[in-house]
């Protein structure tokens, strides 16, 4: 009975949302640490950026090979962090120094009300 309760908790939607929010903050923090180290954000697609943040020096983007982000890759998306529902995060920027991390939410579709969005400008989660 006890094990069953723990398993139910881990699949609960609230737990999944909380886990996704933690991952978004972790990714935004890694981007900000990178920015303070190099004075700019890494460029490229999300997988490329996350590889750079994980310590790879791709195209001279992380010459110190510093690890800003440690994450466990998913089977479907080896070079990308995914939310609790298996969808890769989107990374955007407000102005030039503020990352915005976007999860598609439980329905796995970006741009609707169940999305989870962390905006580093307000240092909080915002509604779509």
N, C-alpha and C. Protein backbone atom coordinates (compact mmCIF):
# COMPACT_ATOMS: atom_id res chain seq x y z
N UNK A 1 0.82 -1.20 0.00
CA UNK A 1 0.00 0.00 0.00
C UNK A 1 0.86 1.26 0.00
N UNK A 2 1.90 1.28 0.81
CA UNK A 2 2.78 2.45 0.90
C UNK A 2 3.46 2.73 -0.44
N UNK A 3 4.00 1.69 -1.08
CA UNK A 3 4.67 1.86 -2.38
C UNK A 3 3.69 2.38 -3.41
N UNK A 4 2.48 1.85 -3.39
CA UNK A 4 1.46 2.29 -4.35
C UNK A 4 1.18 3.78 -4.18
N UNK A 5 1.11 4.26 -2.95
CA UNK A 5 0.86 5.67 -2.70
C UNK A 5 1.97 6.54 -3.26
N UNK A 6 3.21 6.12 -3.09
CA UNK A 6 4.34 6.88 -3.64
C UNK A 6 4.26 6.91 -5.16
N UNK A 7 3.94 5.80 -5.78
CA UNK A 7 3.84 5.77 -7.24
C UNK A 7 2.73 6.69 -7.72
N UNK A 8 1.60 6.72 -7.03
CA UNK A 8 0.52 7.63 -7.42
C UNK A 8 0.96 9.07 -7.29
N UNK A 9 1.71 9.39 -6.26
CA UNK A 9 2.19 10.75 -6.06
C UNK A 9 3.11 11.16 -7.21
N UNK A 10 3.98 10.28 -7.63
CA UNK A 10 4.94 10.61 -8.68
C UNK A 10 4.28 10.79 -10.05
N UNK A 11 3.11 10.25 -10.25
CA UNK A 11 2.43 10.43 -11.53
C UNK A 11 1.37 11.51 -11.45
N UNK A 12 1.18 12.10 -10.29
CA UNK A 12 0.19 13.14 -10.08
C UNK A 12 0.53 14.36 -10.93
N UNK A 13 -0.50 15.02 -11.47
CA UNK A 13 -0.29 16.18 -12.33
C UNK A 13 0.41 17.32 -11.57
N UNK A 14 0.07 17.51 -10.29
CA UNK A 14 0.72 18.57 -9.51
C UNK A 14 2.21 18.30 -9.38
N UNK A 15 2.58 17.06 -9.13
CA UNK A 15 4.00 16.71 -9.04
C UNK A 15 4.68 16.97 -10.38
N UNK A 16 4.05 16.58 -11.47
CA UNK A 16 4.63 16.79 -12.80
C UNK A 16 4.83 18.28 -13.08
N UNK A 17 3.86 19.09 -12.72
CA UNK A 17 3.98 20.53 -12.93
C UNK A 17 5.10 21.12 -12.08
N UNK A 18 5.19 20.68 -10.83
CA UNK A 18 6.25 21.17 -9.95
C UNK A 18 7.63 20.77 -10.47
N UNK A 19 7.75 19.52 -10.93
CA UNK A 19 9.02 19.05 -11.47
C UNK A 19 9.41 19.87 -12.71
N UNK A 20 8.43 20.15 -13.56
CA UNK A 20 8.69 20.95 -14.76
C UNK A 20 9.15 22.35 -14.38
N UNK A 21 8.52 22.94 -13.39
CA UNK A 21 8.91 24.28 -12.95
C UNK A 21 10.34 24.28 -12.41
N UNK A 22 10.71 23.27 -11.66
CA UNK A 22 12.08 23.16 -11.15
C UNK A 22 13.07 23.08 -12.31
N UNK A 23 12.75 22.29 -13.31
CA UNK A 23 13.64 22.14 -14.47
C UNK A 23 13.75 23.45 -15.25
N UNK A 24 12.65 24.19 -15.37
CA UNK A 24 12.70 25.48 -16.07
C UNK A 24 13.60 26.47 -15.34
N UNK A 25 13.47 26.53 -14.03
CA UNK A 25 14.32 27.44 -13.25
C UNK A 25 15.78 27.01 -13.36
N UNK A 26 16.02 25.71 -13.33
CA UNK A 26 17.39 25.19 -13.47
C UNK A 26 17.99 25.60 -14.83
N UNK A 27 17.22 25.49 -15.88
CA UNK A 27 17.69 25.86 -17.22
C UNK A 27 17.92 27.37 -17.31
N UNK A 28 17.01 28.17 -16.78
CA UNK A 28 17.18 29.63 -16.81
C UNK A 28 18.41 30.05 -16.01
N UNK A 29 18.63 29.41 -14.87
CA UNK A 29 19.80 29.72 -14.04
C UNK A 29 21.09 29.37 -14.77
N UNK A 30 21.10 28.23 -15.46
CA UNK A 30 22.29 27.84 -16.24
C UNK A 30 22.57 28.86 -17.33
N UNK A 31 21.53 29.34 -18.00
CA UNK A 31 21.71 30.35 -19.05
C UNK A 31 22.26 31.65 -18.46
N UNK A 32 21.75 32.04 -17.31
CA UNK A 32 22.24 33.27 -16.68
C UNK A 32 23.69 33.12 -16.22
N UNK A 33 24.07 31.97 -15.69
CA UNK A 33 25.46 31.72 -15.29
C UNK A 33 26.38 31.77 -16.52
N UNK A 34 25.92 31.19 -17.62
CA UNK A 34 26.69 31.24 -18.87
C UNK A 34 26.88 32.71 -19.28
N UNK A 35 25.79 33.48 -19.23
CA UNK A 35 25.85 34.88 -19.62
C UNK A 35 26.86 35.65 -18.77
N UNK A 36 26.87 35.41 -17.47
CA UNK A 36 27.81 36.12 -16.60
C UNK A 36 29.25 35.67 -16.82
N UNK A 37 29.44 34.47 -17.33
CA UNK A 37 30.79 33.98 -17.62
C UNK A 37 31.30 34.53 -18.95
N UNK A 38 30.44 34.52 -19.98
CA UNK A 38 30.89 34.87 -21.34
C UNK A 38 30.34 36.19 -21.88
N UNK A 39 29.38 36.81 -21.18
CA UNK A 39 28.86 38.10 -21.63
C UNK A 39 27.83 38.03 -22.73
N UNK A 40 27.40 36.83 -23.07
CA UNK A 40 26.38 36.62 -24.11
C UNK A 40 25.71 35.28 -23.83
N UNK A 41 24.64 35.02 -24.53
CA UNK A 41 23.99 33.72 -24.40
C UNK A 41 24.48 32.80 -25.51
N UNK A 42 24.46 31.48 -25.27
CA UNK A 42 24.80 30.56 -26.37
C UNK A 42 23.74 30.65 -27.45
N UNK A 43 24.15 30.37 -28.67
CA UNK A 43 23.22 30.46 -29.79
C UNK A 43 22.99 29.09 -30.42
N UNK A 44 21.94 28.98 -31.17
CA UNK A 44 21.60 27.74 -31.86
C UNK A 44 20.28 27.19 -31.38
N UNK A 45 19.97 25.98 -31.82
CA UNK A 45 18.72 25.37 -31.39
C UNK A 45 18.84 24.90 -29.94
N UNK A 46 17.72 24.50 -29.37
CA UNK A 46 17.69 24.16 -27.94
C UNK A 46 18.66 23.04 -27.60
N UNK A 47 18.71 21.99 -28.40
CA UNK A 47 19.62 20.89 -28.14
C UNK A 47 21.08 21.33 -28.16
N UNK A 48 21.42 22.19 -29.10
CA UNK A 48 22.78 22.72 -29.22
C UNK A 48 23.12 23.56 -27.98
N UNK A 49 22.18 24.42 -27.57
CA UNK A 49 22.40 25.27 -26.40
C UNK A 49 22.59 24.41 -25.15
N UNK A 50 21.77 23.39 -24.99
CA UNK A 50 21.88 22.55 -23.80
C UNK A 50 23.17 21.74 -23.79
N UNK A 51 23.67 21.36 -24.94
CA UNK A 51 24.97 20.67 -25.00
C UNK A 51 26.08 21.62 -24.57
N UNK A 52 26.00 22.86 -24.99
CA UNK A 52 26.99 23.87 -24.59
C UNK A 52 26.93 24.08 -23.08
N UNK A 53 25.72 24.21 -22.55
CA UNK A 53 25.54 24.41 -21.11
C UNK A 53 26.01 23.20 -20.31
N UNK A 54 26.00 22.03 -20.94
CA UNK A 54 26.44 20.79 -20.28
C UNK A 54 27.96 20.61 -20.31
N UNK A 55 28.67 21.58 -20.90
CA UNK A 55 30.13 21.54 -20.85
C UNK A 55 30.83 21.29 -22.17
N UNK A 56 30.08 21.11 -23.24
CA UNK A 56 30.74 20.91 -24.54
C UNK A 56 31.15 22.26 -25.12
N UNK A 57 32.24 22.25 -25.86
CA UNK A 57 32.68 23.46 -26.55
C UNK A 57 32.39 23.30 -28.03
N UNK A 58 31.17 23.62 -28.41
CA UNK A 58 30.75 23.53 -29.80
C UNK A 58 30.96 24.88 -30.47
N UNK A 59 31.73 24.89 -31.54
CA UNK A 59 32.01 26.12 -32.29
C UNK A 59 32.58 27.24 -31.42
N UNK A 60 33.35 26.88 -30.39
CA UNK A 60 33.96 27.88 -29.53
C UNK A 60 33.01 28.58 -28.59
N UNK A 61 31.80 28.03 -28.39
CA UNK A 61 30.79 28.67 -27.54
C UNK A 61 31.05 28.47 -26.05
N UNK A 62 31.84 27.48 -25.67
CA UNK A 62 32.15 27.24 -24.26
C UNK A 62 33.62 26.83 -24.15
N UNK A 63 34.53 27.77 -24.44
CA UNK A 63 35.95 27.42 -24.47
C UNK A 63 36.51 26.91 -23.14
N UNK A 64 35.91 27.29 -22.03
CA UNK A 64 36.36 26.80 -20.73
C UNK A 64 35.78 25.42 -20.42
N UNK A 65 34.86 24.96 -21.25
CA UNK A 65 34.16 23.68 -21.06
C UNK A 65 33.55 23.59 -19.67
N UNK A 66 33.05 24.72 -19.21
CA UNK A 66 32.42 24.78 -17.90
C UNK A 66 31.03 24.13 -17.96
N UNK A 67 30.70 23.38 -16.93
CA UNK A 67 29.38 22.74 -16.85
C UNK A 67 28.45 23.68 -16.11
N UNK A 68 27.48 24.22 -16.83
CA UNK A 68 26.49 25.11 -16.26
C UNK A 68 25.20 24.35 -15.93
N UNK A 69 25.02 23.20 -16.58
CA UNK A 69 23.77 22.47 -16.48
C UNK A 69 24.04 20.97 -16.50
N UNK A 70 23.52 20.27 -15.52
CA UNK A 70 23.58 18.81 -15.52
C UNK A 70 22.14 18.31 -15.60
N UNK A 71 21.86 17.53 -16.62
CA UNK A 71 20.52 16.99 -16.76
C UNK A 71 20.58 15.60 -17.34
N UNK A 72 19.54 14.85 -17.09
CA UNK A 72 19.45 13.49 -17.59
C UNK A 72 18.68 13.53 -18.91
N UNK A 73 19.31 13.14 -20.01
CA UNK A 73 18.61 13.18 -21.29
C UNK A 73 17.52 12.12 -21.36
N UNK A 74 16.51 12.39 -22.17
CA UNK A 74 15.47 11.39 -22.38
C UNK A 74 15.88 10.50 -23.55
N UNK A 75 15.26 9.38 -23.68
CA UNK A 75 15.57 8.45 -24.78
C UNK A 75 15.20 9.07 -26.11
N UNK A 76 14.06 9.75 -26.17
CA UNK A 76 13.59 10.33 -27.44
C UNK A 76 14.34 11.60 -27.83
N UNK A 77 14.86 12.32 -26.85
CA UNK A 77 15.51 13.61 -27.09
C UNK A 77 16.85 13.62 -26.35
N UNK A 78 17.86 13.00 -26.94
CA UNK A 78 19.14 12.80 -26.26
C UNK A 78 19.85 14.09 -25.86
N UNK A 79 19.71 15.14 -26.65
CA UNK A 79 20.44 16.37 -26.37
C UNK A 79 19.56 17.49 -25.85
N UNK A 80 18.34 17.16 -25.43
CA UNK A 80 17.43 18.20 -24.98
C UNK A 80 16.80 17.83 -23.65
N UNK A 81 16.62 18.84 -22.81
CA UNK A 81 15.84 18.65 -21.59
C UNK A 81 14.38 18.60 -21.98
N UNK A 82 13.63 17.76 -21.31
CA UNK A 82 12.21 17.65 -21.60
C UNK A 82 11.41 17.94 -20.33
N UNK A 83 10.17 18.35 -20.51
CA UNK A 83 9.29 18.57 -19.37
C UNK A 83 8.77 17.23 -18.86
N UNK A 84 7.93 17.26 -17.88
CA UNK A 84 7.42 16.03 -17.26
C UNK A 84 6.61 15.16 -18.22
N UNK A 85 6.20 15.72 -19.33
CA UNK A 85 5.38 14.99 -20.30
C UNK A 85 6.17 14.60 -21.55
N UNK A 86 7.50 14.79 -21.51
CA UNK A 86 8.36 14.33 -22.59
C UNK A 86 8.55 15.28 -23.75
N UNK A 87 8.10 16.51 -23.62
CA UNK A 87 8.24 17.51 -24.68
C UNK A 87 9.46 18.38 -24.39
N UNK A 88 10.35 18.58 -25.37
CA UNK A 88 11.51 19.45 -25.14
C UNK A 88 11.07 20.89 -24.81
N UNK A 89 11.81 21.51 -23.92
CA UNK A 89 11.55 22.90 -23.58
C UNK A 89 11.89 23.80 -24.77
N UNK A 90 11.25 24.95 -24.83
CA UNK A 90 11.63 26.00 -25.76
C UNK A 90 12.35 27.08 -24.96
N UNK A 91 13.37 27.67 -25.58
CA UNK A 91 14.11 28.76 -24.95
C UNK A 91 13.92 30.01 -25.79
N UNK A 92 13.52 31.08 -25.15
CA UNK A 92 13.40 32.37 -25.83
C UNK A 92 14.06 33.43 -24.97
N UNK A 93 14.12 34.63 -25.49
CA UNK A 93 14.76 35.71 -24.75
C UNK A 93 13.91 36.97 -24.84
N UNK A 94 13.72 37.61 -23.68
CA UNK A 94 13.07 38.90 -23.61
C UNK A 94 14.20 39.91 -23.49
N UNK A 95 14.22 40.86 -24.39
CA UNK A 95 15.34 41.80 -24.47
C UNK A 95 16.59 40.99 -24.81
N UNK A 96 17.72 41.37 -24.32
CA UNK A 96 18.94 40.61 -24.65
C UNK A 96 19.51 39.85 -23.47
N UNK A 97 18.95 40.02 -22.29
CA UNK A 97 19.56 39.40 -21.12
C UNK A 97 18.58 38.61 -20.26
N UNK A 98 17.44 38.26 -20.77
CA UNK A 98 16.45 37.59 -19.95
C UNK A 98 15.86 36.36 -20.63
N UNK A 99 16.29 35.17 -20.20
CA UNK A 99 15.74 33.95 -20.79
C UNK A 99 14.31 33.69 -20.34
N UNK A 100 13.54 33.10 -21.25
CA UNK A 100 12.18 32.65 -20.97
C UNK A 100 12.14 31.18 -21.36
N UNK A 101 11.76 30.33 -20.41
CA UNK A 101 11.72 28.89 -20.65
C UNK A 101 10.26 28.48 -20.72
N UNK A 102 9.94 27.71 -21.75
CA UNK A 102 8.55 27.41 -22.08
C UNK A 102 8.34 25.89 -22.16
N UNK A 103 7.36 25.39 -21.40
CA UNK A 103 6.93 23.99 -21.48
C UNK A 103 5.56 23.94 -22.14
N UNK A 104 5.33 22.93 -22.95
CA UNK A 104 4.04 22.78 -23.62
C UNK A 104 2.95 22.28 -22.67
N UNK A 105 3.33 21.82 -21.50
CA UNK A 105 2.35 21.35 -20.54
C UNK A 105 1.83 19.95 -20.85
N UNK A 106 0.83 19.50 -20.09
CA UNK A 106 0.34 18.13 -20.20
C UNK A 106 -0.18 17.73 -21.58
N UNK A 107 -0.75 18.69 -22.33
CA UNK A 107 -1.29 18.31 -23.64
C UNK A 107 -0.24 18.32 -24.75
N UNK A 108 1.00 18.68 -24.42
CA UNK A 108 2.14 18.65 -25.33
C UNK A 108 1.99 19.59 -26.53
N UNK A 109 1.15 20.62 -26.40
CA UNK A 109 0.96 21.62 -27.47
C UNK A 109 1.32 22.98 -26.93
N UNK A 110 2.21 23.67 -27.63
CA UNK A 110 2.61 25.01 -27.21
C UNK A 110 1.53 26.02 -27.60
N UNK A 111 1.38 27.04 -26.76
CA UNK A 111 0.52 28.16 -27.10
C UNK A 111 -0.89 28.11 -26.52
N UNK A 112 -1.12 27.29 -25.52
CA UNK A 112 -2.45 27.28 -24.90
C UNK A 112 -2.34 27.41 -23.39
N UNK A 113 -3.46 27.31 -22.70
CA UNK A 113 -3.53 27.64 -21.28
C UNK A 113 -2.81 26.69 -20.34
N UNK A 114 -2.46 25.49 -20.78
CA UNK A 114 -1.77 24.58 -19.84
C UNK A 114 -0.25 24.69 -19.92
N UNK A 115 0.25 25.59 -20.76
CA UNK A 115 1.70 25.79 -20.85
C UNK A 115 2.25 26.31 -19.52
N UNK A 116 3.50 25.97 -19.26
CA UNK A 116 4.19 26.45 -18.06
C UNK A 116 5.37 27.28 -18.55
N UNK A 117 5.38 28.56 -18.17
CA UNK A 117 6.38 29.49 -18.70
C UNK A 117 7.09 30.19 -17.54
N UNK A 118 8.42 30.08 -17.54
CA UNK A 118 9.22 30.81 -16.55
C UNK A 118 9.87 32.00 -17.24
N UNK A 119 9.63 33.19 -16.68
CA UNK A 119 10.18 34.43 -17.22
C UNK A 119 11.20 34.97 -16.22
N UNK A 120 12.45 35.03 -16.63
CA UNK A 120 13.50 35.48 -15.70
C UNK A 120 13.44 36.98 -15.43
N UNK A 121 12.70 37.74 -16.23
CA UNK A 121 12.56 39.16 -15.96
C UNK A 121 11.82 39.35 -14.63
N UNK A 122 10.71 38.66 -14.49
CA UNK A 122 9.93 38.75 -13.25
C UNK A 122 10.38 37.71 -12.23
N UNK A 123 11.24 36.79 -12.65
CA UNK A 123 11.69 35.68 -11.81
C UNK A 123 10.50 34.89 -11.28
N UNK A 124 9.54 34.66 -12.17
CA UNK A 124 8.31 33.99 -11.78
C UNK A 124 7.69 33.29 -13.00
N UNK A 125 6.68 32.53 -12.73
CA UNK A 125 5.95 31.84 -13.78
C UNK A 125 4.82 32.74 -14.26
N UNK A 126 4.63 32.76 -15.57
CA UNK A 126 3.63 33.65 -16.17
C UNK A 126 2.63 32.82 -16.96
N UNK A 127 1.46 33.40 -17.16
CA UNK A 127 0.42 32.75 -17.95
C UNK A 127 0.69 32.96 -19.44
N UNK A 128 0.30 31.98 -20.25
CA UNK A 128 0.49 32.15 -21.71
C UNK A 128 -0.35 33.27 -22.27
